[in-house]
Amino acid sequence: MAISQAKKNEIIKQYARHEGDTGSTEVQVAVLTADINEINVHMQQHRKDFHSQRGLMKKIGHRRNLLAYLRKTDSQRYRELIKSLGLRR
């Protein structure tokens, strides 16, 4: 159900701000978004899986907090990130 390591590395390479960057806000939000999309597919097939639903809500909340932080600190990076990820904000 979780994203594969190869896909995660590809996302990190795409959104990294410098070489070896795995912890920047952009990378964290992009990885969380990929995870959320995977869990959404799972939840469409398994509607009564409440344990996965709780994990999904926790990931969504974490992403929301990271996006709020990025919006406060650097609004230009925030706008670019939500545009590239296709988030509705």
N, C-alpha and C. Protein backbone atom coordinates (compact mmCIF):
# COMPACT_ATOMS: atom_id res chain seq x y z
N MET A 1 0.82 -1.18 0.00
CA MET A 1 0.00 0.00 0.00
C MET A 1 0.87 1.26 0.00
N ALA A 2 2.01 1.23 0.64
CA ALA A 2 2.90 2.39 0.65
C ALA A 2 3.62 2.49 -0.69
N ILE A 3 4.14 3.67 -0.98
CA ILE A 3 4.84 3.85 -2.25
C ILE A 3 6.18 3.11 -2.19
N SER A 4 6.64 2.68 -3.35
CA SER A 4 7.90 1.92 -3.40
C SER A 4 9.09 2.86 -3.19
N GLN A 5 10.20 2.29 -2.81
CA GLN A 5 11.40 3.07 -2.56
C GLN A 5 11.88 3.75 -3.84
N ALA A 6 11.74 3.08 -4.98
CA ALA A 6 12.18 3.68 -6.24
C ALA A 6 11.34 4.91 -6.57
N LYS A 7 10.03 4.82 -6.37
CA LYS A 7 9.16 5.97 -6.64
C LYS A 7 9.46 7.10 -5.66
N LYS A 8 9.73 6.75 -4.41
CA LYS A 8 10.06 7.75 -3.41
C LYS A 8 11.36 8.47 -3.77
N ASN A 9 12.37 7.71 -4.21
CA ASN A 9 13.64 8.32 -4.63
C ASN A 9 13.45 9.24 -5.82
N GLU A 10 12.58 8.86 -6.75
CA GLU A 10 12.30 9.69 -7.91
C GLU A 10 11.65 11.01 -7.48
N ILE A 11 10.72 10.94 -6.55
CA ILE A 11 10.06 12.15 -6.05
C ILE A 11 11.06 13.04 -5.33
N ILE A 12 11.92 12.43 -4.53
CA ILE A 12 12.94 13.21 -3.81
C ILE A 12 13.86 13.90 -4.78
N LYS A 13 14.27 13.20 -5.82
CA LYS A 13 15.17 13.80 -6.82
C LYS A 13 14.48 14.97 -7.53
N GLN A 14 13.20 14.85 -7.79
CA GLN A 14 12.47 15.89 -8.51
C GLN A 14 12.28 17.16 -7.67
N TYR A 15 11.98 17.00 -6.37
CA TYR A 15 11.64 18.15 -5.54
C TYR A 15 12.76 18.63 -4.63
N ALA A 16 13.93 17.99 -4.66
CA ALA A 16 15.04 18.38 -3.80
C ALA A 16 15.55 19.76 -4.19
N ARG A 17 15.90 20.54 -3.18
CA ARG A 17 16.41 21.89 -3.42
C ARG A 17 17.91 21.88 -3.69
N HIS A 18 18.62 20.87 -3.20
CA HIS A 18 20.04 20.70 -3.46
C HIS A 18 20.37 19.22 -3.39
N GLU A 19 21.57 18.86 -3.73
CA GLU A 19 21.98 17.46 -3.74
C GLU A 19 21.91 16.87 -2.34
N GLY A 20 21.26 15.71 -2.22
CA GLY A 20 21.15 15.04 -0.93
C GLY A 20 20.05 15.58 -0.04
N ASP A 21 19.19 16.43 -0.58
CA ASP A 21 18.10 17.03 0.21
C ASP A 21 16.94 16.06 0.31
N THR A 22 16.65 15.60 1.53
CA THR A 22 15.52 14.71 1.73
C THR A 22 14.55 15.26 2.75
N GLY A 23 14.90 16.34 3.43
CA GLY A 23 14.08 16.82 4.52
C GLY A 23 13.43 18.16 4.30
N SER A 24 13.63 18.78 3.14
CA SER A 24 13.01 20.09 2.93
C SER A 24 11.49 19.94 2.88
N THR A 25 10.82 21.02 3.11
CA THR A 25 9.36 21.00 3.17
C THR A 25 8.77 20.52 1.85
N GLU A 26 9.35 20.94 0.73
CA GLU A 26 8.83 20.54 -0.57
C GLU A 26 8.90 19.02 -0.75
N VAL A 27 10.03 18.43 -0.37
CA VAL A 27 10.20 16.99 -0.51
C VAL A 27 9.22 16.25 0.39
N GLN A 28 9.09 16.71 1.63
CA GLN A 28 8.17 16.05 2.55
C GLN A 28 6.73 16.10 2.06
N VAL A 29 6.32 17.27 1.55
CA VAL A 29 4.94 17.41 1.05
C VAL A 29 4.74 16.54 -0.18
N ALA A 30 5.72 16.47 -1.07
CA ALA A 30 5.58 15.66 -2.28
C ALA A 30 5.47 14.18 -1.94
N VAL A 31 6.28 13.71 -1.01
CA VAL A 31 6.23 12.30 -0.61
C VAL A 31 4.90 12.00 0.08
N LEU A 32 4.45 12.89 0.94
CA LEU A 32 3.16 12.70 1.60
C LEU A 32 2.02 12.68 0.60
N THR A 33 2.09 13.54 -0.42
CA THR A 33 1.05 13.58 -1.44
C THR A 33 0.99 12.27 -2.21
N ALA A 34 2.14 11.72 -2.55
CA ALA A 34 2.17 10.43 -3.24
C ALA A 34 1.59 9.33 -2.36
N ASP A 35 1.94 9.36 -1.07
CA ASP A 35 1.39 8.39 -0.11
C ASP A 35 -0.12 8.53 0.02
N ILE A 36 -0.59 9.76 0.11
CA ILE A 36 -2.02 10.02 0.24
C ILE A 36 -2.77 9.52 -0.99
N ASN A 37 -2.21 9.74 -2.16
CA ASN A 37 -2.87 9.27 -3.39
C ASN A 37 -2.96 7.75 -3.42
N GLU A 38 -1.91 7.07 -2.96
CA GLU A 38 -1.94 5.60 -2.91
C GLU A 38 -3.00 5.10 -1.93
N ILE A 39 -3.08 5.75 -0.77
CA ILE A 39 -4.06 5.32 0.23
C ILE A 39 -5.48 5.61 -0.27
N ASN A 40 -5.66 6.71 -1.01
CA ASN A 40 -6.98 7.02 -1.57
C ASN A 40 -7.46 5.91 -2.49
N VAL A 41 -6.56 5.37 -3.32
CA VAL A 41 -6.92 4.27 -4.21
C VAL A 41 -7.33 3.05 -3.39
N HIS A 42 -6.58 2.78 -2.32
CA HIS A 42 -6.92 1.66 -1.45
C HIS A 42 -8.28 1.87 -0.79
N MET A 43 -8.55 3.09 -0.34
CA MET A 43 -9.79 3.37 0.37
C MET A 43 -11.01 3.29 -0.55
N GLN A 44 -10.84 3.54 -1.83
CA GLN A 44 -11.96 3.40 -2.76
C GLN A 44 -12.37 1.94 -2.90
N GLN A 45 -11.43 1.03 -2.78
CA GLN A 45 -11.73 -0.39 -2.89
C GLN A 45 -12.17 -0.99 -1.56
N HIS A 46 -11.64 -0.47 -0.46
CA HIS A 46 -11.90 -1.03 0.87
C HIS A 46 -12.49 0.06 1.75
N ARG A 47 -13.75 0.33 1.59
CA ARG A 47 -14.40 1.45 2.27
C ARG A 47 -14.46 1.30 3.79
N LYS A 48 -14.45 0.08 4.30
CA LYS A 48 -14.60 -0.12 5.74
C LYS A 48 -13.27 -0.32 6.46
N ASP A 49 -12.17 -0.03 5.80
CA ASP A 49 -10.86 -0.16 6.42
C ASP A 49 -10.57 1.11 7.23
N PHE A 50 -11.03 1.11 8.47
CA PHE A 50 -10.94 2.31 9.29
C PHE A 50 -9.53 2.58 9.80
N HIS A 51 -8.70 1.54 9.89
CA HIS A 51 -7.32 1.75 10.32
C HIS A 51 -6.55 2.53 9.25
N SER A 52 -6.75 2.17 8.00
CA SER A 52 -6.10 2.91 6.92
C SER A 52 -6.69 4.31 6.80
N GLN A 53 -7.96 4.44 7.08
CA GLN A 53 -8.61 5.75 7.02
C GLN A 53 -8.00 6.69 8.06
N ARG A 54 -7.71 6.15 9.24
CA ARG A 54 -7.09 6.97 10.27
C ARG A 54 -5.69 7.39 9.86
N GLY A 55 -4.93 6.47 9.27
CA GLY A 55 -3.60 6.81 8.78
C GLY A 55 -3.66 7.87 7.69
N LEU A 56 -4.67 7.77 6.84
CA LEU A 56 -4.86 8.77 5.78
C LEU A 56 -5.11 10.14 6.38
N MET A 57 -5.97 10.20 7.38
CA MET A 57 -6.27 11.49 8.02
C MET A 57 -5.04 12.09 8.70
N LYS A 58 -4.22 11.24 9.31
CA LYS A 58 -2.99 11.73 9.93
C LYS A 58 -2.03 12.29 8.90
N LYS A 59 -1.90 11.61 7.76
CA LYS A 59 -1.02 12.10 6.70
C LYS A 59 -1.54 13.40 6.11
N ILE A 60 -2.85 13.51 5.94
CA ILE A 60 -3.43 14.74 5.41
C ILE A 60 -3.18 15.90 6.37
N GLY A 61 -3.34 15.65 7.67
CA GLY A 61 -3.08 16.69 8.66
C GLY A 61 -1.63 17.12 8.69
N HIS A 62 -0.72 16.16 8.56
CA HIS A 62 0.71 16.48 8.53
C HIS A 62 1.03 17.33 7.30
N ARG A 63 0.49 16.94 6.15
CA ARG A 63 0.72 17.71 4.93
C ARG A 63 0.15 19.12 5.06
N ARG A 64 -1.03 19.23 5.67
CA ARG A 64 -1.65 20.55 5.85
C ARG A 64 -0.78 21.45 6.72
N ASN A 65 -0.21 20.88 7.79
CA ASN A 65 0.67 21.67 8.66
C ASN A 65 1.94 22.10 7.93
N LEU A 66 2.53 21.20 7.15
CA LEU A 66 3.73 21.56 6.39
C LEU A 66 3.43 22.65 5.37
N LEU A 67 2.27 22.55 4.70
CA LEU A 67 1.90 23.57 3.72
C LEU A 67 1.64 24.92 4.40
N ALA A 68 1.05 24.90 5.57
CA ALA A 68 0.82 26.15 6.30
C ALA A 68 2.15 26.79 6.69
N TYR A 69 3.10 25.97 7.12
CA TYR A 69 4.43 26.48 7.45
C TYR A 69 5.10 27.09 6.22
N LEU A 70 5.03 26.40 5.10
CA LEU A 70 5.66 26.90 3.88
C LEU A 70 4.99 28.18 3.41
N ARG A 71 3.67 28.26 3.54
CA ARG A 71 2.95 29.46 3.13
C ARG A 71 3.36 30.65 3.98
N LYS A 72 3.61 30.41 5.29
CA LYS A 72 4.03 31.51 6.18
C LYS A 72 5.45 31.96 5.88
N THR A 73 6.34 31.01 5.61
CA THR A 73 7.76 31.36 5.48
C THR A 73 8.13 31.83 4.08
N ASP A 74 7.61 31.18 3.03
CA ASP A 74 7.98 31.55 1.66
C ASP A 74 6.80 31.27 0.73
N SER A 75 6.01 32.29 0.48
CA SER A 75 4.78 32.10 -0.28
C SER A 75 5.04 31.76 -1.75
N GLN A 76 6.17 32.20 -2.30
CA GLN A 76 6.48 31.87 -3.69
C GLN A 76 6.75 30.38 -3.85
N ARG A 77 7.56 29.81 -2.97
CA ARG A 77 7.81 28.36 -3.00
C ARG A 77 6.53 27.59 -2.78
N TYR A 78 5.65 28.10 -1.90
CA TYR A 78 4.36 27.46 -1.63
C TYR A 78 3.52 27.40 -2.90
N ARG A 79 3.41 28.54 -3.61
CA ARG A 79 2.60 28.58 -4.84
C ARG A 79 3.14 27.64 -5.91
N GLU A 80 4.46 27.61 -6.05
CA GLU A 80 5.08 26.72 -7.03
C GLU A 80 4.83 25.25 -6.69
N LEU A 81 4.90 24.92 -5.40
CA LEU A 81 4.72 23.54 -4.98
C LEU A 81 3.29 23.06 -5.21
N ILE A 82 2.31 23.84 -4.81
CA ILE A 82 0.93 23.38 -4.99
C ILE A 82 0.55 23.33 -6.46
N LYS A 83 1.18 24.20 -7.26
CA LYS A 83 0.92 24.15 -8.70
C LYS A 83 1.51 22.89 -9.31
N SER A 84 2.72 22.53 -8.91
CA SER A 84 3.36 21.34 -9.49
C SER A 84 2.72 20.05 -9.00
N LEU A 85 2.19 20.06 -7.77
CA LEU A 85 1.53 18.85 -7.24
C LEU A 85 0.06 18.77 -7.63
N GLY A 86 -0.51 19.87 -8.08
CA GLY A 86 -1.91 19.87 -8.48
C GLY A 86 -2.85 19.87 -7.30
N LEU A 87 -2.46 20.49 -6.20
CA LEU A 87 -3.32 20.56 -5.02
C LEU A 87 -4.29 21.72 -5.16
N ARG A 88 -5.47 21.56 -4.62
CA ARG A 88 -6.48 22.61 -4.70
C ARG A 88 -6.41 23.47 -3.45
N ARG A 89 -5.72 24.57 -3.53
CA ARG A 89 -5.64 25.49 -2.40
C ARG A 89 -5.69 26.89 -2.87
